[in-house]
Protein backbone atom coordinates (compact mmCIF):
# COMPACT_ATOMS: atom_id res chain seq x y z
CA MET A 1 141.29 86.00 38.92
CA GLY A 2 143.82 86.84 36.46
CA ILE A 3 144.67 88.94 33.04
CA ILE A 4 146.02 87.79 30.15
CA THR A 5 147.83 89.91 27.61
CA GLY A 6 147.55 88.94 23.82
CA ALA A 7 145.04 86.73 24.91
CA GLY A 8 143.31 86.70 21.15
CA SER A 9 145.12 83.61 19.82
CA GLY A 10 147.99 81.77 19.98
CA ILE A 11 149.51 80.92 23.25
CA GLY A 12 147.26 83.14 25.57
CA ALA A 13 143.87 82.45 23.95
CA ALA A 14 145.16 78.46 24.89
CA ILE A 15 145.65 80.14 28.14
CA ALA A 16 142.96 81.62 28.92
CA ARG A 17 141.22 78.06 28.00
CA GLU A 18 143.07 75.86 30.03
CA PHE A 19 142.82 78.45 32.95
CA ALA A 20 139.15 78.68 32.57
CA GLY A 21 139.17 74.65 33.33
CA ILE A 22 139.84 75.61 36.87
CA GLY A 23 137.01 78.01 36.70
CA ALA A 24 139.54 81.21 36.21
CA GLN A 25 137.81 84.66 35.53
CA MET A 26 140.12 86.29 33.72
CA VAL A 27 140.44 89.81 31.73
CA LEU A 28 141.55 89.10 28.09
CA ALA A 29 143.71 91.77 26.74
CA SER A 30 144.10 92.26 23.23
CA ILE A 31 145.13 95.08 20.78
CA ASP A 32 142.68 93.82 18.13
CA THR A 33 139.70 91.79 19.76
CA GLU A 34 138.16 90.42 16.68
CA GLY A 35 136.29 86.94 17.41
CA MET A 36 137.60 87.26 20.90
CA ASP A 37 133.76 87.46 22.44
CA GLN A 38 133.96 83.78 20.48
CA LEU A 39 136.52 82.66 22.99
CA ALA A 40 134.91 84.57 26.00
CA ALA A 41 131.96 82.11 25.40
CA THR A 42 134.56 78.95 25.40
CA LEU A 43 135.37 79.88 28.61
CA ASP A 44 131.95 79.99 29.75
CA ASP A 45 131.41 76.63 28.78
CA LEU A 46 134.83 75.54 30.63
CA GLY A 47 133.59 76.42 33.34
CA GLY A 48 135.27 80.18 33.87
CA ALA A 49 134.61 83.66 32.60
CA GLY A 50 136.20 85.98 30.27
CA LEU A 51 135.63 89.79 30.02
CA VAL A 52 137.58 91.26 26.56
CA ALA A 53 139.32 94.26 26.47
CA GLU A 54 140.73 96.65 24.11
CA VAL A 55 144.21 97.44 25.42
CA ASP A 56 147.37 98.42 23.98
CA VAL A 57 150.27 97.36 25.79
CA ARG A 58 152.77 100.02 24.32
CA SER A 59 150.26 102.81 26.44
CA VAL A 60 150.95 103.04 30.15
CA GLU A 61 147.23 104.69 29.97
CA SER A 62 145.45 101.75 28.03
CA VAL A 63 147.26 99.34 30.52
CA ALA A 64 146.67 100.83 33.52
CA LYS A 65 142.98 100.04 32.99
CA LEU A 66 143.31 96.52 33.52
CA PRO A 67 143.22 95.71 37.20
CA ILE A 68 140.98 98.18 37.55
CA LEU A 69 138.54 96.21 35.33
CA ALA A 70 139.70 93.04 36.63
CA ARG A 71 139.06 94.42 40.20
CA GLU A 72 135.32 95.67 38.96
CA ALA A 73 134.61 92.30 37.28
CA PHE A 74 136.29 89.77 39.54
CA GLY A 75 138.23 90.86 41.88
CA PRO A 76 141.45 90.97 43.46
CA VAL A 77 143.90 90.11 40.69
CA ASP A 78 146.01 86.90 41.39
CA PHE A 79 147.94 86.29 38.12
CA VAL A 80 149.00 88.17 35.06
CA VAL A 81 150.39 86.76 31.69
CA ALA A 82 152.47 89.17 30.29
CA ASN A 83 152.41 87.52 26.37
CA ALA A 84 151.38 90.25 24.10
CA ALA A 85 153.94 90.22 21.82
CA VAL A 86 155.11 91.33 18.05
CA ILE A 87 158.14 90.08 15.82
CA ASP A 88 160.46 91.76 13.22
CA HIS A 89 161.85 90.49 9.33
CA GLY A 90 165.31 90.92 7.67
CA ASP A 91 168.67 91.91 8.96
CA VAL A 92 170.00 95.21 10.77
CA ALA A 93 171.58 96.26 7.82
CA THR A 94 168.07 97.23 6.35
CA GLY A 95 165.89 96.94 9.02
CA GLU A 96 163.24 99.89 9.78
CA PRO A 97 164.30 101.64 12.93
CA ALA A 98 159.91 101.91 13.33
CA GLU A 99 159.80 98.31 12.79
CA TRP A 100 162.15 97.96 15.88
CA ARG A 101 160.49 100.48 18.23
CA ARG A 102 157.09 98.91 17.91
CA VAL A 103 158.70 95.43 18.56
CA LEU A 104 160.25 96.83 21.63
CA GLU A 105 157.44 98.71 22.85
CA THR A 106 155.18 96.03 22.58
CA ASN A 107 157.39 93.08 23.61
CA LEU A 108 159.69 94.47 26.38
CA LEU A 109 158.01 98.02 27.34
CA GLY A 110 154.25 96.28 27.01
CA THR A 111 155.13 93.64 29.57
CA MET A 112 156.59 95.91 31.77
CA HIS A 113 153.87 98.44 31.82
CA THR A 114 151.84 95.49 31.80
CA VAL A 115 153.25 93.88 35.23
CA GLY A 116 153.76 97.63 37.17
CA ALA A 117 150.10 98.11 36.36
CA VAL A 118 149.32 94.92 38.62
CA LEU A 119 151.76 94.61 41.28
CA PRO A 120 150.91 97.63 43.72
CA GLU A 121 148.15 95.42 44.66
CA MET A 122 149.96 92.38 45.19
CA TYR A 123 152.33 93.73 46.86
CA GLU A 124 150.02 94.90 49.22
CA ARG A 125 148.11 91.72 49.48
CA ARG A 126 151.30 89.51 49.51
CA CYS A 127 149.85 87.33 47.06
CA GLY A 128 150.12 87.14 43.15
CA HIS A 129 151.77 85.38 40.59
CA VAL A 130 153.36 87.06 37.71
CA PHE A 131 154.22 85.12 34.59
CA VAL A 132 156.84 86.79 32.45
CA MET A 133 156.51 85.42 28.69
CA ALA A 134 160.00 85.24 27.07
CA SER A 135 161.66 82.20 24.72
CA VAL A 136 164.47 80.39 23.85
CA SER A 137 165.74 83.50 21.66
CA GLY A 138 166.10 85.06 24.95
CA ARG A 139 169.17 82.72 25.00
CA VAL A 140 170.25 82.12 21.70
CA SER A 141 170.70 84.79 19.08
CA TYR A 142 170.36 84.22 15.18
CA VAL A 143 169.83 86.32 12.47
CA GLY A 144 166.75 87.62 11.19
CA GLU A 145 164.81 89.15 13.71
CA PRO A 146 167.13 91.33 15.94
CA ALA A 147 164.52 93.33 17.65
CA TYR A 148 161.93 90.69 19.02
CA ILE A 149 165.86 89.12 20.07
CA ALA A 150 166.86 92.21 21.64
CA SER A 151 163.54 92.13 23.42
CA LYS A 152 163.86 88.51 24.81
CA TRP A 153 166.79 88.84 26.26
CA GLY A 154 165.88 91.74 27.72
CA LEU A 155 162.93 90.51 29.53
CA VAL A 156 165.08 87.43 30.66
CA GLY A 157 166.92 90.24 32.70
CA PHE A 158 163.66 92.14 33.31
CA ALA A 159 161.88 88.53 35.14
CA ASN A 160 165.33 88.01 37.02
CA SER A 161 165.26 91.60 38.25
CA LEU A 162 162.03 91.31 39.43
CA ARG A 163 162.23 88.67 40.98
CA ILE A 164 164.10 89.32 43.01
CA GLU A 165 162.19 92.24 44.26
CA ALA A 166 158.64 90.61 44.58
CA ASP A 167 160.11 87.88 46.39
CA ALA A 168 160.11 90.57 49.45
CA HIS A 169 156.73 90.76 49.18
CA ASP A 170 155.48 87.00 48.78
CA VAL A 171 154.77 87.31 45.16
CA ARG A 172 155.65 84.38 42.78
CA VAL A 173 157.43 85.31 39.69
CA SER A 174 158.21 83.10 36.79
CA LEU A 175 159.73 83.24 33.66
CA ILE A 176 158.49 81.41 30.94
CA GLU A 177 160.63 80.47 27.63
CA PRO A 178 159.06 78.33 25.26
CA GLY A 179 161.34 77.03 22.46
CA LEU A 180 159.58 76.71 18.80
CA VAL A 181 155.60 76.53 19.13
CA ASN A 182 152.98 76.45 15.84
CA THR A 183 151.45 79.59 16.09
CA GLY A 184 150.42 82.61 13.95
CA LEU A 185 153.58 84.71 15.33
CA ALA A 186 156.12 82.48 14.31
CA ARG A 187 154.63 81.76 10.84
CA GLN A 188 154.89 85.36 10.12
CA SER A 189 158.66 85.40 10.18
CA ASP A 190 161.05 83.42 7.60
CA VAL A 191 162.84 82.28 10.43
CA GLY A 192 160.04 80.21 12.56
CA GLN A 193 158.16 78.99 8.78
CA LEU A 194 161.83 77.47 7.84
CA MET A 195 161.64 75.91 11.75
CA LEU A 196 158.16 74.75 11.48
CA ALA A 197 158.99 72.84 8.26
CA SER A 198 161.80 71.02 8.97
CA SER A 199 161.65 70.57 12.65
CA ALA A 200 159.42 69.54 15.32
CA SER A 201 157.08 72.06 17.16
CA LEU A 202 154.83 72.93 20.27
CA ASN A 203 151.47 73.97 20.27
CA PRO A 204 149.77 76.73 22.26
CA GLU A 205 148.67 74.29 24.92
CA ASP A 206 151.56 72.71 25.63
CA ILE A 207 152.96 75.88 27.17
CA ALA A 208 149.02 76.45 28.44
CA ARG A 209 149.54 73.26 30.50
CA THR A 210 152.79 74.79 31.65
CA LEU A 211 151.60 77.61 32.77
CA LEU A 212 148.81 75.82 34.77
CA TYR A 213 151.13 73.44 36.29
CA ILE A 214 153.58 76.67 37.82
CA TYR A 215 149.95 78.32 39.25
CA GLN A 216 148.81 75.00 41.00
CA GLN A 217 152.70 74.56 43.45
CA PRO A 218 152.23 75.36 46.73
CA ARG A 219 152.11 79.02 47.97
CA SER A 220 155.69 78.53 49.37
CA VAL A 221 156.81 76.94 45.98
CA VAL A 222 157.73 78.76 42.84
CA VAL A 223 159.17 77.71 39.18
CA SER A 224 161.55 80.42 38.91
CA GLU A 225 162.41 79.71 35.42
CA ILE A 226 161.52 77.25 32.54
CA VAL A 227 162.29 76.04 29.19
CA VAL A 228 159.55 74.14 27.10
CA ARG A 229 160.99 72.87 23.90
CA ALA A 230 159.80 70.05 21.91
CA VAL A 231 161.31 66.79 21.54
CA ASN A 232 163.85 66.89 18.80
CA GLN A 233 163.15 70.48 18.02
CA ALA A 234 166.08 71.30 15.53
CA PRO A 235 168.43 74.09 16.46
CA ILE A 236 167.37 77.50 15.16
CA ALA A 237 168.55 78.31 11.97
CA SER A 238 169.07 81.86 10.05
CA PRO A 239 167.45 81.97 6.75
CA ALA A 240 169.05 84.13 3.97
CA VAL A 241 168.87 87.95 4.76
CA GLY A 242 169.69 90.98 2.42
């Protein structure tokens, strides 16, 4: 039984489909649930199950209902994929502080809210797997997405700290750092469009298969951190901004 945030499209939806193939039953959380009933129906066809939940990960109260929904519908939470993310555009000198706040509250605090909601139960059961979706943007800096980059660097630090804590409770933590992935999120930004036009890229399904591989390792094994890139992905370049 699992929870996936940002499950409405892209990487989140691909993960849901991949895990449905092993019979996983999942709460599919998204701030925008339009069209997600079709995703849930697809999971049924693949051998799994999906319960759609409208959730804003920026809100602790909104996220708190996720493990309750999961328990009531399917049982205890075995895994959580903290995947919800948004992106910013432009440079720091002309950027909008309100937009920076939205990005940081969604990507970084949203992940912390999501993980914090499921950990008590996982710790009590001494069982569970947490996936933190960061990015190579959490290791490499460039111009054009300052708040997004800051959020992903923050997620790298958060996951590494969380792993030390969770290890004492037999809960696995895996930090996922995708390179360029051809998603709607990537296509929203100038940097993403530039890269997609000039470089090899991954598909969401590539990330989904990676997570399933990690999850299916024996419980005595954890893939702590993994970078997934397309072969021949070009270095990140900054578009002209300002």
